[in-house]
Amino acid sequence: MGYDLVAGVDEVGRGSLAGPLVAAAVILDRKKLLIERIDDSKKISPAEREGLFEKIKDSCISWSVAEISPEEIDKNKITKANIMAFDMAATGLKVKPDIIISDFINISSDMLTSSSKTGFIPILEGDQRSISIAAASIMAKVTRDRMMKKMALLFPEYGFDHNMGYGTREHLLSIKKYGPTSVHRMSFKGVKDFRDGPFVE
């Protein structure tokens, strides 16, 4: 379509019960696209993602990450939080893109301040069809996983180092037994039923 500087944007943690929602924006360098194995972050092993994270960071034109806290997610609801994360990640780029593309989300460019003078195109299965979106997916996933592993040191009972805050059976049983923590999303099913119980700081 004639665009040169393409910013791929994607988010991680939308369905998690704990931790932030993290979005990343990446402008890849067309002259340095020989990075092997870039794909949807869910299809790549943690070790591969870590390696690709460093390669993308070192070879891209610009990259940015943004996080939305559990408190902000509870306050704004997940769809608005998603839009906020996309917007913050795109705005954080040090180089202005010609176009912003993302995995499909039902928003328009007028919802994003960062794209007010830049086009925005949501793409169905974008993290599988676009190398730019897949790169953003990897940057967001690695960033968030590192955050959750740090949270696991503070709250070892919940298994954040391996469930990354998602609603596994082990995690749900921990919430039921110990109550939610300060990093849980109190409005989410699986958490809100126990928000009046023990609260772990």
N, C-alpha and C. Protein backbone atom coordinates (compact mmCIF):
# COMPACT_ATOMS: atom_id res chain seq x y z
N MET A 1 0.82 -1.21 0.00
CA MET A 1 0.00 0.00 0.00
C MET A 1 0.85 1.26 0.00
N GLY A 2 2.18 1.08 -0.12
CA GLY A 2 3.05 2.24 -0.23
C GLY A 2 3.58 2.80 1.07
N TYR A 3 3.27 2.18 2.20
CA TYR A 3 3.77 2.66 3.49
C TYR A 3 5.19 2.16 3.72
N ASP A 4 6.00 3.00 4.33
CA ASP A 4 7.39 2.63 4.60
C ASP A 4 7.57 2.26 6.08
N LEU A 5 7.32 3.22 6.97
CA LEU A 5 7.49 2.97 8.40
C LEU A 5 6.18 2.42 8.98
N VAL A 6 6.15 1.10 9.15
CA VAL A 6 4.95 0.41 9.63
C VAL A 6 5.13 0.04 11.10
N ALA A 7 4.22 0.49 11.94
CA ALA A 7 4.26 0.14 13.36
C ALA A 7 3.26 -0.97 13.64
N GLY A 8 3.78 -2.11 14.06
CA GLY A 8 2.91 -3.19 14.50
C GLY A 8 2.65 -3.03 15.98
N VAL A 9 1.40 -3.23 16.40
CA VAL A 9 1.03 -3.09 17.82
C VAL A 9 0.27 -4.34 18.25
N ASP A 10 0.57 -4.84 19.43
CA ASP A 10 -0.17 -5.96 19.97
C ASP A 10 -0.12 -5.92 21.49
N GLU A 11 -1.06 -6.62 22.13
CA GLU A 11 -1.14 -6.61 23.58
C GLU A 11 -1.10 -8.04 24.13
N VAL A 12 -0.72 -8.15 25.40
CA VAL A 12 -0.67 -9.44 26.08
C VAL A 12 -1.29 -9.26 27.46
N GLY A 13 -2.03 -10.26 27.90
CA GLY A 13 -2.57 -10.25 29.25
C GLY A 13 -4.01 -9.84 29.34
N ARG A 14 -4.70 -9.81 28.22
CA ARG A 14 -6.10 -9.36 28.22
C ARG A 14 -6.98 -10.26 29.10
N GLY A 15 -6.77 -11.56 29.04
CA GLY A 15 -7.62 -12.48 29.78
C GLY A 15 -7.07 -12.92 31.12
N SER A 16 -5.97 -12.34 31.54
CA SER A 16 -5.35 -12.71 32.81
C SER A 16 -6.17 -12.20 33.99
N LEU A 17 -6.07 -12.90 35.11
CA LEU A 17 -6.78 -12.49 36.32
C LEU A 17 -5.94 -11.57 37.20
N ALA A 18 -4.65 -11.50 36.91
CA ALA A 18 -3.73 -10.69 37.73
C ALA A 18 -2.66 -10.07 36.85
N GLY A 19 -2.07 -9.00 37.36
CA GLY A 19 -0.99 -8.34 36.63
C GLY A 19 -1.51 -7.35 35.60
N PRO A 20 -0.60 -6.63 34.98
CA PRO A 20 -0.99 -5.58 34.04
C PRO A 20 -1.36 -6.11 32.66
N LEU A 21 -1.99 -5.28 31.89
CA LEU A 21 -2.15 -5.48 30.46
C LEU A 21 -0.97 -4.77 29.82
N VAL A 22 -0.23 -5.45 28.97
CA VAL A 22 0.97 -4.86 28.37
C VAL A 22 0.83 -4.85 26.85
N ALA A 23 1.08 -3.69 26.26
CA ALA A 23 1.06 -3.56 24.80
C ALA A 23 2.44 -3.11 24.34
N ALA A 24 2.79 -3.51 23.13
CA ALA A 24 4.06 -3.09 22.54
C ALA A 24 3.82 -2.59 21.13
N ALA A 25 4.64 -1.64 20.70
CA ALA A 25 4.62 -1.14 19.33
C ALA A 25 6.04 -1.28 18.78
N VAL A 26 6.15 -1.76 17.56
CA VAL A 26 7.47 -2.00 16.94
C VAL A 26 7.46 -1.52 15.49
N ILE A 27 8.49 -0.76 15.13
CA ILE A 27 8.73 -0.43 13.72
C ILE A 27 9.98 -1.19 13.31
N LEU A 28 9.79 -2.21 12.49
CA LEU A 28 10.93 -3.01 12.03
C LEU A 28 11.67 -2.28 10.92
N ASP A 29 12.95 -2.56 10.83
CA ASP A 29 13.78 -2.00 9.76
C ASP A 29 13.70 -2.95 8.57
N ARG A 30 13.17 -2.48 7.45
CA ARG A 30 13.00 -3.33 6.27
C ARG A 30 14.34 -3.89 5.76
N LYS A 31 15.43 -3.22 6.10
CA LYS A 31 16.76 -3.68 5.66
C LYS A 31 17.32 -4.76 6.58
N LYS A 32 16.63 -4.99 7.71
CA LYS A 32 17.12 -5.98 8.68
C LYS A 32 16.02 -6.96 9.07
N LEU A 33 15.32 -7.46 8.07
CA LEU A 33 14.19 -8.34 8.35
C LEU A 33 14.58 -9.82 8.38
N LEU A 34 15.85 -10.11 8.40
CA LEU A 34 16.31 -11.50 8.38
C LEU A 34 16.37 -12.07 9.80
N ILE A 35 15.33 -11.83 10.59
CA ILE A 35 15.25 -12.40 11.93
C ILE A 35 14.39 -13.66 11.84
N GLU A 36 14.98 -14.80 12.13
CA GLU A 36 14.27 -16.06 11.99
C GLU A 36 13.27 -16.28 13.12
N ARG A 37 12.22 -17.03 12.81
CA ARG A 37 11.25 -17.52 13.78
C ARG A 37 10.34 -16.45 14.39
N ILE A 38 10.27 -15.26 13.83
CA ILE A 38 9.28 -14.31 14.35
C ILE A 38 7.89 -14.83 14.00
N ASP A 39 7.08 -14.98 15.02
CA ASP A 39 5.73 -15.51 14.85
C ASP A 39 4.89 -15.03 16.04
N ASP A 40 3.62 -15.35 16.02
CA ASP A 40 2.76 -15.08 17.16
C ASP A 40 3.45 -15.59 18.42
N SER A 41 3.55 -14.76 19.45
CA SER A 41 4.33 -15.12 20.64
C SER A 41 3.82 -16.39 21.32
N LYS A 42 2.54 -16.71 21.17
CA LYS A 42 1.98 -17.90 21.79
C LYS A 42 2.50 -19.18 21.15
N LYS A 43 3.05 -19.08 19.95
CA LYS A 43 3.53 -20.26 19.23
C LYS A 43 5.03 -20.49 19.42
N ILE A 44 5.67 -19.65 20.23
CA ILE A 44 7.12 -19.72 20.40
C ILE A 44 7.45 -20.03 21.85
N SER A 45 8.47 -20.83 22.07
CA SER A 45 8.86 -21.20 23.43
C SER A 45 9.41 -19.99 24.18
N PRO A 46 9.35 -20.00 25.52
CA PRO A 46 9.89 -18.88 26.30
C PRO A 46 11.34 -18.56 25.97
N ALA A 47 12.18 -19.59 25.78
CA ALA A 47 13.59 -19.36 25.47
C ALA A 47 13.74 -18.67 24.11
N GLU A 48 12.95 -19.10 23.13
CA GLU A 48 13.00 -18.48 21.80
C GLU A 48 12.52 -17.03 21.87
N ARG A 49 11.48 -16.79 22.65
CA ARG A 49 10.97 -15.42 22.78
C ARG A 49 12.02 -14.50 23.37
N GLU A 50 12.72 -14.97 24.38
CA GLU A 50 13.76 -14.16 25.01
C GLU A 50 14.84 -13.78 23.99
N GLY A 51 15.25 -14.75 23.18
CA GLY A 51 16.27 -14.49 22.17
C GLY A 51 15.79 -13.52 21.11
N LEU A 52 14.54 -13.70 20.67
CA LEU A 52 13.97 -12.82 19.65
C LEU A 52 13.75 -11.42 20.20
N PHE A 53 13.41 -11.32 21.49
CA PHE A 53 13.22 -10.01 22.12
C PHE A 53 14.48 -9.16 21.95
N GLU A 54 15.63 -9.75 22.24
CA GLU A 54 16.90 -9.01 22.13
C GLU A 54 17.23 -8.67 20.68
N LYS A 55 16.95 -9.60 19.76
CA LYS A 55 17.25 -9.35 18.35
C LYS A 55 16.36 -8.23 17.79
N ILE A 56 15.08 -8.28 18.14
CA ILE A 56 14.16 -7.24 17.67
C ILE A 56 14.56 -5.88 18.25
N LYS A 57 14.85 -5.87 19.55
CA LYS A 57 15.23 -4.62 20.22
C LYS A 57 16.47 -4.00 19.58
N ASP A 58 17.43 -4.84 19.22
CA ASP A 58 18.70 -4.35 18.68
C ASP A 58 18.63 -3.96 17.21
N SER A 59 17.64 -4.49 16.48
CA SER A 59 17.63 -4.26 15.03
C SER A 59 16.47 -3.40 14.53
N CYS A 60 15.47 -3.13 15.37
CA CYS A 60 14.33 -2.36 14.88
C CYS A 60 14.63 -0.87 14.85
N ILE A 61 13.80 -0.12 14.17
CA ILE A 61 13.95 1.33 14.09
C ILE A 61 13.51 1.98 15.39
N SER A 62 12.40 1.47 15.96
CA SER A 62 11.91 2.00 17.23
C SER A 62 10.97 0.98 17.86
N TRP A 63 10.94 0.95 19.18
CA TRP A 63 9.99 0.09 19.89
C TRP A 63 9.58 0.76 21.19
N SER A 64 8.42 0.36 21.67
CA SER A 64 7.89 0.96 22.89
C SER A 64 6.95 -0.04 23.56
N VAL A 65 6.90 -0.03 24.88
CA VAL A 65 5.93 -0.84 25.60
C VAL A 65 5.14 0.06 26.55
N ALA A 66 3.93 -0.36 26.86
CA ALA A 66 3.08 0.38 27.79
C ALA A 66 2.32 -0.62 28.63
N GLU A 67 2.06 -0.28 29.88
CA GLU A 67 1.31 -1.18 30.74
C GLU A 67 0.12 -0.45 31.37
N ILE A 68 -0.95 -1.19 31.54
CA ILE A 68 -2.14 -0.70 32.22
C ILE A 68 -2.29 -1.54 33.48
N SER A 69 -2.34 -0.89 34.62
CA SER A 69 -2.36 -1.59 35.90
C SER A 69 -3.69 -2.29 36.14
N PRO A 70 -3.72 -3.28 37.05
CA PRO A 70 -4.99 -3.93 37.40
C PRO A 70 -6.04 -2.93 37.86
N GLU A 71 -5.63 -1.92 38.62
CA GLU A 71 -6.57 -0.91 39.10
C GLU A 71 -7.21 -0.14 37.94
N GLU A 72 -6.39 0.20 36.94
CA GLU A 72 -6.90 0.92 35.77
C GLU A 72 -7.82 0.02 34.94
N ILE A 73 -7.49 -1.27 34.88
CA ILE A 73 -8.34 -2.22 34.14
C ILE A 73 -9.70 -2.32 34.81
N ASP A 74 -9.70 -2.44 36.15
CA ASP A 74 -10.96 -2.52 36.89
C ASP A 74 -11.79 -1.24 36.71
N LYS A 75 -11.11 -0.13 36.68
CA LYS A 75 -11.80 1.17 36.56
C LYS A 75 -12.37 1.38 35.16
N ASN A 76 -11.61 1.03 34.13
CA ASN A 76 -11.99 1.36 32.76
C ASN A 76 -12.60 0.22 31.96
N LYS A 77 -12.54 -0.99 32.49
CA LYS A 77 -12.96 -2.21 31.80
C LYS A 77 -11.91 -2.57 30.73
N ILE A 78 -11.92 -3.84 30.34
CA ILE A 78 -10.79 -4.37 29.57
C ILE A 78 -10.69 -3.79 28.15
N THR A 79 -11.82 -3.56 27.49
CA THR A 79 -11.73 -3.04 26.11
C THR A 79 -11.13 -1.63 26.09
N LYS A 80 -11.59 -0.76 26.98
CA LYS A 80 -11.02 0.59 27.05
C LYS A 80 -9.56 0.52 27.48
N ALA A 81 -9.24 -0.37 28.41
CA ALA A 81 -7.85 -0.53 28.84
C ALA A 81 -6.97 -0.97 27.68
N ASN A 82 -7.52 -1.83 26.82
CA ASN A 82 -6.81 -2.29 25.63
C ASN A 82 -6.50 -1.13 24.70
N ILE A 83 -7.49 -0.27 24.48
CA ILE A 83 -7.30 0.90 23.63
C ILE A 83 -6.24 1.83 24.23
N MET A 84 -6.31 2.03 25.55
CA MET A 84 -5.34 2.88 26.24
C MET A 84 -3.92 2.33 26.07
N ALA A 85 -3.78 1.01 26.20
CA ALA A 85 -2.46 0.39 26.08
C ALA A 85 -1.91 0.54 24.67
N PHE A 86 -2.76 0.30 23.66
CA PHE A 86 -2.35 0.48 22.27
C PHE A 86 -1.88 1.91 22.04
N ASP A 87 -2.68 2.84 22.52
CA ASP A 87 -2.40 4.26 22.31
C ASP A 87 -1.08 4.66 22.95
N MET A 88 -0.87 4.23 24.20
CA MET A 88 0.35 4.57 24.92
C MET A 88 1.58 3.97 24.25
N ALA A 89 1.45 2.72 23.78
CA ALA A 89 2.59 2.06 23.13
C ALA A 89 2.95 2.78 21.82
N ALA A 90 1.93 3.11 21.02
CA ALA A 90 2.19 3.80 19.75
C ALA A 90 2.75 5.19 19.98
N THR A 91 2.22 5.88 20.99
CA THR A 91 2.69 7.23 21.31
C THR A 91 4.14 7.21 21.80
N GLY A 92 4.53 6.11 22.43
CA GLY A 92 5.88 6.01 22.98
C GLY A 92 6.98 5.79 21.95
N LEU A 93 6.61 5.53 20.72
CA LEU A 93 7.63 5.34 19.67
C LEU A 93 8.39 6.64 19.43
N LYS A 94 9.70 6.54 19.31
CA LYS A 94 10.52 7.73 19.10
C LYS A 94 10.52 8.17 17.64
N VAL A 95 10.06 7.27 16.77
CA VAL A 95 9.95 7.59 15.34
C VAL A 95 8.48 7.47 14.96
N LYS A 96 7.95 8.49 14.30
CA LYS A 96 6.52 8.48 13.92
C LYS A 96 6.30 7.55 12.73
N PRO A 97 5.42 6.57 12.87
CA PRO A 97 5.16 5.65 11.76
C PRO A 97 4.27 6.27 10.68
N ASP A 98 4.30 5.67 9.50
CA ASP A 98 3.41 6.09 8.42
C ASP A 98 2.03 5.45 8.58
N ILE A 99 2.00 4.28 9.23
CA ILE A 99 0.75 3.54 9.43
C ILE A 99 0.90 2.69 10.69
N ILE A 100 -0.20 2.51 11.41
CA ILE A 100 -0.22 1.64 12.58
C ILE A 100 -1.12 0.46 12.26
N ILE A 101 -0.61 -0.77 12.47
CA ILE A 101 -1.42 -1.96 12.25
C ILE A 101 -1.44 -2.77 13.54
N SER A 102 -2.53 -3.49 13.76
CA SER A 102 -2.65 -4.28 14.98
C SER A 102 -3.41 -5.56 14.71
N ASP A 103 -3.31 -6.48 15.66
CA ASP A 103 -4.19 -7.63 15.65
C ASP A 103 -5.61 -7.07 15.77
N PHE A 104 -6.58 -7.77 15.24
CA PHE A 104 -7.92 -7.18 15.14
C PHE A 104 -8.51 -6.82 16.49
N ILE A 105 -8.95 -5.60 16.61
CA ILE A 105 -9.70 -5.12 17.76
C ILE A 105 -10.71 -4.12 17.22
N ASN A 106 -11.90 -4.15 17.76
CA ASN A 106 -13.00 -3.34 17.22
C ASN A 106 -12.90 -1.89 17.68
N ILE A 107 -11.88 -1.19 17.19
CA ILE A 107 -11.73 0.23 17.47
C ILE A 107 -11.40 0.95 16.17
N SER A 108 -11.60 2.23 16.17
CA SER A 108 -11.29 3.04 14.99
C SER A 108 -10.17 4.01 15.33
N SER A 109 -9.58 4.60 14.32
CA SER A 109 -8.43 5.48 14.52
C SER A 109 -8.78 6.70 15.37
N ASP A 110 -10.05 7.13 15.35
CA ASP A 110 -10.40 8.32 16.12
C ASP A 110 -10.43 8.04 17.64
N MET A 111 -10.31 6.76 18.02
CA MET A 111 -10.22 6.41 19.44
C MET A 111 -8.79 6.50 19.95
N LEU A 112 -7.84 6.63 19.03
CA LEU A 112 -6.43 6.64 19.40
C LEU A 112 -5.83 8.01 19.14
N THR A 113 -5.34 8.66 20.17
CA THR A 113 -4.72 9.97 19.97
C THR A 113 -3.44 9.84 19.15
N SER A 114 -2.74 8.69 19.33
CA SER A 114 -1.48 8.50 18.61
C SER A 114 -1.69 8.37 17.11
N SER A 115 -2.89 7.97 16.69
CA SER A 115 -3.12 7.77 15.26
C SER A 115 -3.98 8.87 14.66
N SER A 116 -4.10 10.00 15.37
CA SER A 116 -4.95 11.08 14.87
C SER A 116 -4.46 11.61 13.53
N LYS A 117 -3.16 11.54 13.33
CA LYS A 117 -2.60 11.96 12.05
C LYS A 117 -1.89 10.80 11.35
N THR A 118 -2.21 9.59 11.81
CA THR A 118 -1.63 8.39 11.24
C THR A 118 -2.75 7.38 11.03
N GLY A 119 -2.73 6.67 9.92
CA GLY A 119 -3.75 5.67 9.69
C GLY A 119 -3.63 4.50 10.66
N PHE A 120 -4.74 3.84 10.92
CA PHE A 120 -4.76 2.67 11.80
C PHE A 120 -5.54 1.56 11.12
N ILE A 121 -4.94 0.38 10.99
CA ILE A 121 -5.60 -0.75 10.32
C ILE A 121 -5.57 -1.97 11.24
N PRO A 122 -6.73 -2.43 11.72
CA PRO A 122 -6.78 -3.69 12.47
C PRO A 122 -6.84 -4.85 11.48
N ILE A 123 -6.08 -5.91 11.74
CA ILE A 123 -5.99 -7.04 10.81
C ILE A 123 -6.42 -8.32 11.53
N LEU A 124 -7.37 -9.03 10.97
CA LEU A 124 -7.82 -10.29 11.53
C LEU A 124 -6.66 -11.28 11.55
N GLU A 125 -6.41 -11.89 12.70
CA GLU A 125 -5.27 -12.80 12.89
C GLU A 125 -3.96 -12.11 12.51
N GLY A 126 -3.88 -10.84 12.88
CA GLY A 126 -2.71 -10.04 12.50
C GLY A 126 -1.40 -10.55 13.04
N ASP A 127 -1.41 -11.14 14.25
CA ASP A 127 -0.16 -11.63 14.82
C ASP A 127 0.36 -12.86 14.09
N GLN A 128 -0.49 -13.46 13.22
CA GLN A 128 -0.05 -14.59 12.40
C GLN A 128 0.24 -14.18 10.96
N ARG A 129 -0.26 -13.00 10.56
CA ARG A 129 -0.14 -12.58 9.17
C ARG A 129 0.85 -11.45 8.96
N SER A 130 1.23 -10.77 10.04
CA SER A 130 2.13 -9.62 9.91
C SER A 130 3.36 -9.80 10.80
N ILE A 131 4.52 -9.67 10.23
CA ILE A 131 5.76 -9.79 11.00
C ILE A 131 5.90 -8.64 11.99
N SER A 132 5.37 -7.47 11.65
CA SER A 132 5.44 -6.31 12.56
C SER A 132 4.58 -6.54 13.80
N ILE A 133 3.37 -7.06 13.60
CA ILE A 133 2.49 -7.34 14.74
C ILE A 133 3.04 -8.48 15.57
N ALA A 134 3.57 -9.51 14.90
CA ALA A 134 4.17 -10.64 15.63
C ALA A 134 5.36 -10.17 16.48
N ALA A 135 6.15 -9.25 15.93
CA ALA A 135 7.28 -8.71 16.70
C ALA A 135 6.79 -7.97 17.93
N ALA A 136 5.71 -7.19 17.77
CA ALA A 136 5.14 -6.47 18.91
C ALA A 136 4.59 -7.45 19.94
N SER A 137 4.00 -8.54 19.47
CA SER A 137 3.48 -9.57 20.36
C SER A 137 4.60 -10.16 21.22
N ILE A 138 5.75 -10.41 20.62
CA ILE A 138 6.90 -10.96 21.34
C ILE A 138 7.42 -9.96 22.37
N MET A 139 7.54 -8.69 21.98
CA MET A 139 8.04 -7.67 22.90
C MET A 139 7.11 -7.52 24.10
N ALA A 140 5.80 -7.55 23.85
CA ALA A 140 4.83 -7.41 24.93
C ALA A 140 4.84 -8.63 25.83
N LYS A 141 4.91 -9.81 25.23
CA LYS A 141 4.87 -11.06 25.99
C LYS A 141 6.08 -11.19 26.90
N VAL A 142 7.27 -10.96 26.38
CA VAL A 142 8.48 -11.09 27.19
C VAL A 142 8.48 -10.06 28.32
N THR A 143 8.09 -8.83 28.00
CA THR A 143 8.03 -7.77 29.02
C THR A 143 7.08 -8.16 30.14
N ARG A 144 5.90 -8.63 29.78
CA ARG A 144 4.90 -8.97 30.80
C ARG A 144 5.33 -10.20 31.60
N ASP A 145 5.88 -11.21 30.93
CA ASP A 145 6.32 -12.41 31.65
C ASP A 145 7.39 -12.06 32.69
N ARG A 146 8.28 -11.16 32.35
CA ARG A 146 9.30 -10.74 33.31
C ARG A 146 8.65 -10.06 34.52
N MET A 147 7.63 -9.24 34.27
CA MET A 147 6.90 -8.59 35.37
C MET A 147 6.24 -9.63 36.28
N MET A 148 5.61 -10.64 35.66
CA MET A 148 4.89 -11.63 36.45
C MET A 148 5.84 -12.49 37.26
N LYS A 149 7.03 -12.74 36.75
CA LYS A 149 8.01 -13.51 37.51
C LYS A 149 8.49 -12.73 38.74
N LYS A 150 8.57 -11.42 38.62
CA LYS A 150 8.91 -10.60 39.78
C LYS A 150 7.77 -10.62 40.80
N MET A 151 6.53 -10.60 40.29
CA MET A 151 5.37 -10.66 41.19
C MET A 151 5.32 -12.00 41.91
N ALA A 152 5.81 -13.05 41.26
CA ALA A 152 5.82 -14.39 41.88
C ALA A 152 6.71 -14.42 43.12
N LEU A 153 7.73 -13.59 43.15
CA LEU A 153 8.60 -13.53 44.32
C LEU A 153 7.87 -12.88 45.50
N LEU A 154 6.96 -11.96 45.20
CA LEU A 154 6.19 -11.28 46.25
C LEU A 154 5.00 -12.13 46.71
N PHE A 155 4.43 -12.90 45.77
CA PHE A 155 3.23 -13.70 46.06
C PHE A 155 3.45 -15.14 45.58
N PRO A 156 4.32 -15.90 46.24
CA PRO A 156 4.68 -17.24 45.76
C PRO A 156 3.53 -18.25 45.76
N GLU A 157 2.48 -18.00 46.53
CA GLU A 157 1.37 -18.96 46.62
C GLU A 157 0.56 -19.07 45.34
N TYR A 158 0.69 -18.10 44.43
CA TYR A 158 -0.21 -18.04 43.28
C TYR A 158 0.38 -18.57 41.98
N GLY A 159 1.65 -18.92 41.97
CA GLY A 159 2.25 -19.51 40.77
C GLY A 159 2.39 -18.58 39.59
N PHE A 160 2.55 -17.28 39.85
CA PHE A 160 2.64 -16.31 38.75
C PHE A 160 3.84 -16.57 37.82
N ASP A 161 4.86 -17.25 38.31
CA ASP A 161 6.04 -17.50 37.49
C ASP A 161 5.77 -18.49 36.36
N HIS A 162 4.68 -19.28 36.47
CA HIS A 162 4.37 -20.20 35.38
C HIS A 162 2.96 -20.03 34.80
N ASN A 163 1.99 -19.50 35.62
CA ASN A 163 0.67 -19.27 35.01
C ASN A 163 0.51 -17.85 34.49
N MET A 164 1.46 -16.97 34.80
CA MET A 164 1.47 -15.58 34.34
C MET A 164 0.18 -14.82 34.67
N GLY A 165 -0.50 -15.28 35.73
CA GLY A 165 -1.72 -14.60 36.16
C GLY A 165 -2.99 -15.12 35.54
N TYR A 166 -2.89 -16.09 34.62
CA TYR A 166 -4.09 -16.62 33.98
C TYR A 166 -4.82 -17.58 34.92
N GLY A 167 -6.07 -17.86 34.61
CA GLY A 167 -6.94 -18.60 35.51
C GLY A 167 -6.78 -20.11 35.46
N THR A 168 -5.60 -20.60 35.76
CA THR A 168 -5.40 -22.04 35.84
C THR A 168 -6.11 -22.58 37.09
N ARG A 169 -6.30 -23.88 37.14
CA ARG A 169 -6.95 -24.49 38.31
C ARG A 169 -6.18 -24.17 39.58
N GLU A 170 -4.85 -24.30 39.52
CA GLU A 170 -3.99 -23.99 40.67
C GLU A 170 -4.18 -22.55 41.13
N HIS A 171 -4.21 -21.64 40.19
CA HIS A 171 -4.35 -20.22 40.52
C HIS A 171 -5.71 -19.94 41.16
N LEU A 172 -6.77 -20.49 40.59
CA LEU A 172 -8.11 -20.27 41.12
C LEU A 172 -8.24 -20.84 42.54
N LEU A 173 -7.62 -21.98 42.77
CA LEU A 173 -7.65 -22.57 44.11
C LEU A 173 -6.89 -21.69 45.11
N SER A 174 -5.80 -21.07 44.65
CA SER A 174 -5.03 -20.17 45.52
C SER A 174 -5.83 -18.94 45.88
N ILE A 175 -6.57 -18.40 44.92
CA ILE A 175 -7.42 -17.23 45.20
C ILE A 175 -8.49 -17.60 46.22
N LYS A 176 -9.07 -18.79 46.04
CA LYS A 176 -10.11 -19.25 46.96
C LYS A 176 -9.55 -19.44 48.37
N LYS A 177 -8.32 -19.96 48.46
CA LYS A 177 -7.71 -20.26 49.76
C LYS A 177 -7.17 -19.02 50.45
N TYR A 178 -6.45 -18.17 49.69
CA TYR A 178 -5.75 -17.04 50.30
C TYR A 178 -6.43 -15.68 50.06
N GLY A 179 -7.35 -15.66 49.10
CA GLY A 179 -7.95 -14.38 48.72
C GLY A 179 -7.12 -13.69 47.65
N PRO A 180 -7.66 -12.66 47.02
CA PRO A 180 -6.91 -11.94 45.97
C PRO A 180 -5.82 -11.06 46.56
N THR A 181 -4.85 -10.74 45.73
CA THR A 181 -3.75 -9.87 46.14
C THR A 181 -3.97 -8.47 45.57
N SER A 182 -3.05 -7.59 45.87
CA SER A 182 -3.13 -6.23 45.35
C SER A 182 -2.85 -6.15 43.85
N VAL A 183 -2.40 -7.26 43.25
CA VAL A 183 -2.14 -7.25 41.80
C VAL A 183 -3.22 -8.00 41.03
N HIS A 184 -4.27 -8.45 41.70
CA HIS A 184 -5.37 -9.12 41.01
C HIS A 184 -6.36 -8.09 40.46
N ARG A 185 -7.10 -8.49 39.44
CA ARG A 185 -8.13 -7.65 38.83
C ARG A 185 -9.45 -7.97 39.51
N MET A 186 -9.89 -7.10 40.38
CA MET A 186 -11.02 -7.36 41.25
C MET A 186 -12.35 -7.49 40.52
N SER A 187 -12.43 -6.98 39.29
CA SER A 187 -13.69 -7.03 38.54
C SER A 187 -13.83 -8.30 37.71
N PHE A 188 -12.78 -9.14 37.68
CA PHE A 188 -12.78 -10.30 36.82
C PHE A 188 -13.43 -11.52 37.49
N LYS A 189 -14.14 -12.31 36.71
CA LYS A 189 -14.72 -13.55 37.20
C LYS A 189 -13.61 -14.46 37.71
N GLY A 190 -13.82 -15.06 38.84
CA GLY A 190 -12.78 -15.88 39.45
C GLY A 190 -12.04 -15.14 40.53
N VAL A 191 -12.15 -13.81 40.51
CA VAL A 191 -11.53 -12.96 41.54
C VAL A 191 -12.59 -12.24 42.34
N LYS A 192 -13.57 -11.66 41.65
CA LYS A 192 -14.55 -10.79 42.32
C LYS A 192 -15.38 -11.52 43.38
N ASP A 193 -15.55 -12.85 43.20
CA ASP A 193 -16.32 -13.62 44.18
C ASP A 193 -15.61 -13.69 45.54
N PHE A 194 -14.29 -13.40 45.54
CA PHE A 194 -13.51 -13.53 46.78
C PHE A 194 -12.92 -12.19 47.23
N ARG A 195 -13.36 -11.10 46.62
CA ARG A 195 -12.75 -9.81 46.94
C ARG A 195 -13.11 -9.31 48.33
N ASP A 196 -14.14 -9.89 48.94
CA ASP A 196 -14.50 -9.49 50.30
C ASP A 196 -13.83 -10.39 51.34
N GLY A 197 -13.04 -11.36 50.86
CA GLY A 197 -12.34 -12.26 51.77
C GLY A 197 -10.98 -11.70 52.13
N PRO A 198 -10.03 -12.59 52.48
CA PRO A 198 -8.67 -12.13 52.83
C PRO A 198 -8.07 -11.36 51.67
N PHE A 199 -7.35 -10.31 51.98
CA PHE A 199 -6.70 -9.51 50.94
C PHE A 199 -5.21 -9.49 51.21
N VAL A 200 -4.42 -9.96 50.26
CA VAL A 200 -2.98 -10.10 50.45
C VAL A 200 -2.27 -8.90 49.88
N GLU A 201 -1.55 -8.18 50.72
CA GLU A 201 -0.76 -7.03 50.28
C GLU A 201 0.57 -7.49 49.70
